[in-house]
Amino acid sequence: MPTNKHKRKASAQSKTKRVRPPGLITTHAKFFLGVGVFFIAISIYLLIFKAHDNAMFGLAMLALISGVVLTISAKMVSTKNNKN
């Protein structure tokens, strides 16, 4: 019996591909794309009309950052789904 039998078994098991369950953004990419654009529009509105208060400026920045991240991630997922 070879001495490295255990190593061969471990490498054979690690090559199995795990299937991840679909996430929320993956299943509803168009909806989250719209939500991201909505957050960006709200943040621009808050920056233009309500930015005289520090709290509104902070809320506008949070909405802008979350909207951009959500839009980019939903766009990447939707283009990946369109290729398949």
Protein backbone atom coordinates (compact mmCIF):
# COMPACT_ATOMS: atom_id res chain seq x y z
CA MET A 1 0.00 0.00 0.00
CA PRO A 2 1.49 3.37 -0.94
CA THR A 3 2.35 5.81 1.80
CA ASN A 4 0.69 8.81 0.11
CA LYS A 5 -2.73 7.18 -0.36
CA HIS A 6 -4.39 9.68 1.97
CA LYS A 7 -3.08 12.61 -0.06
CA ARG A 8 -4.59 11.23 -3.23
CA LYS A 9 -7.97 10.80 -1.59
CA ALA A 10 -7.96 14.33 -0.19
CA SER A 11 -7.11 15.85 -3.54
CA ALA A 12 -9.83 13.84 -5.27
CA GLN A 13 -12.45 15.13 -2.83
CA SER A 14 -11.38 18.76 -3.11
CA LYS A 15 -12.00 18.83 -6.86
CA THR A 16 -15.75 18.50 -6.49
CA LYS A 17 -17.51 21.67 -7.50
CA ARG A 18 -19.95 23.08 -4.99
CA VAL A 19 -23.09 24.70 -6.32
CA ARG A 20 -24.08 27.85 -4.45
CA PRO A 21 -27.77 28.51 -3.98
CA PRO A 22 -29.02 31.56 -5.86
CA GLY A 23 -29.03 34.75 -3.84
CA LEU A 24 -31.59 37.52 -3.65
CA ILE A 25 -29.78 39.84 -6.07
CA THR A 26 -29.14 36.95 -8.44
CA THR A 27 -32.78 36.00 -8.68
CA HIS A 28 -34.18 39.56 -8.87
CA ALA A 29 -31.44 41.50 -10.68
CA LYS A 30 -33.73 43.92 -12.53
CA PHE A 31 -35.58 44.88 -9.36
CA PHE A 32 -32.35 45.64 -7.49
CA LEU A 33 -31.06 47.59 -10.47
CA GLY A 34 -34.13 49.80 -10.17
CA VAL A 35 -33.70 50.12 -6.40
CA GLY A 36 -30.08 51.19 -6.88
CA VAL A 37 -31.05 53.83 -9.43
CA PHE A 38 -33.78 55.01 -7.04
CA PHE A 39 -31.22 55.41 -4.23
CA ILE A 40 -28.97 57.40 -6.55
CA ALA A 41 -31.89 59.68 -7.56
CA ILE A 42 -32.89 60.23 -3.91
CA SER A 43 -29.31 61.06 -2.96
CA ILE A 44 -29.01 63.60 -5.79
CA TYR A 45 -32.29 65.19 -4.69
CA LEU A 46 -31.08 65.39 -1.10
CA LEU A 47 -27.76 66.89 -2.17
CA ILE A 48 -29.43 69.56 -4.31
CA PHE A 49 -32.31 70.63 -2.09
CA LYS A 50 -31.65 69.46 1.49
CA ALA A 51 -27.86 69.52 1.88
CA HIS A 52 -27.80 72.51 4.27
CA ASP A 53 -28.10 70.11 7.22
CA ASN A 54 -25.21 67.81 8.10
CA ALA A 55 -27.54 64.89 8.74
CA MET A 56 -29.14 65.20 5.31
CA PHE A 57 -25.72 65.40 3.69
CA GLY A 58 -24.68 62.21 5.46
CA LEU A 59 -27.91 60.47 4.48
CA ALA A 60 -27.40 61.56 0.88
CA MET A 61 -23.86 60.16 0.87
CA LEU A 62 -25.03 56.85 2.36
CA ALA A 63 -27.80 56.59 -0.21
CA LEU A 64 -25.39 57.44 -3.02
CA ILE A 65 -22.81 54.86 -1.98
CA SER A 66 -25.36 52.11 -1.39
CA GLY A 67 -27.13 52.92 -4.66
CA VAL A 68 -23.92 52.79 -6.67
CA VAL A 69 -22.82 49.50 -5.09
CA LEU A 70 -26.26 47.94 -5.53
CA THR A 71 -26.52 49.10 -9.14
CA ILE A 72 -23.06 47.84 -10.07
CA SER A 73 -23.59 44.45 -8.45
CA ALA A 74 -27.04 44.00 -10.03
CA LYS A 75 -25.67 45.04 -13.42
CA MET A 76 -22.83 42.51 -13.15
CA VAL A 77 -25.27 39.75 -12.22
CA SER A 78 -27.69 40.64 -15.00
CA THR A 79 -24.95 40.62 -17.65
CA LYS A 80 -23.70 37.27 -16.32
CA ASN A 81 -27.24 35.85 -16.60
CA ASN A 82 -27.63 37.17 -20.14
CA LYS A 83 -24.47 35.38 -21.32
CA ASN A 84 -25.78 31.99 -20.20
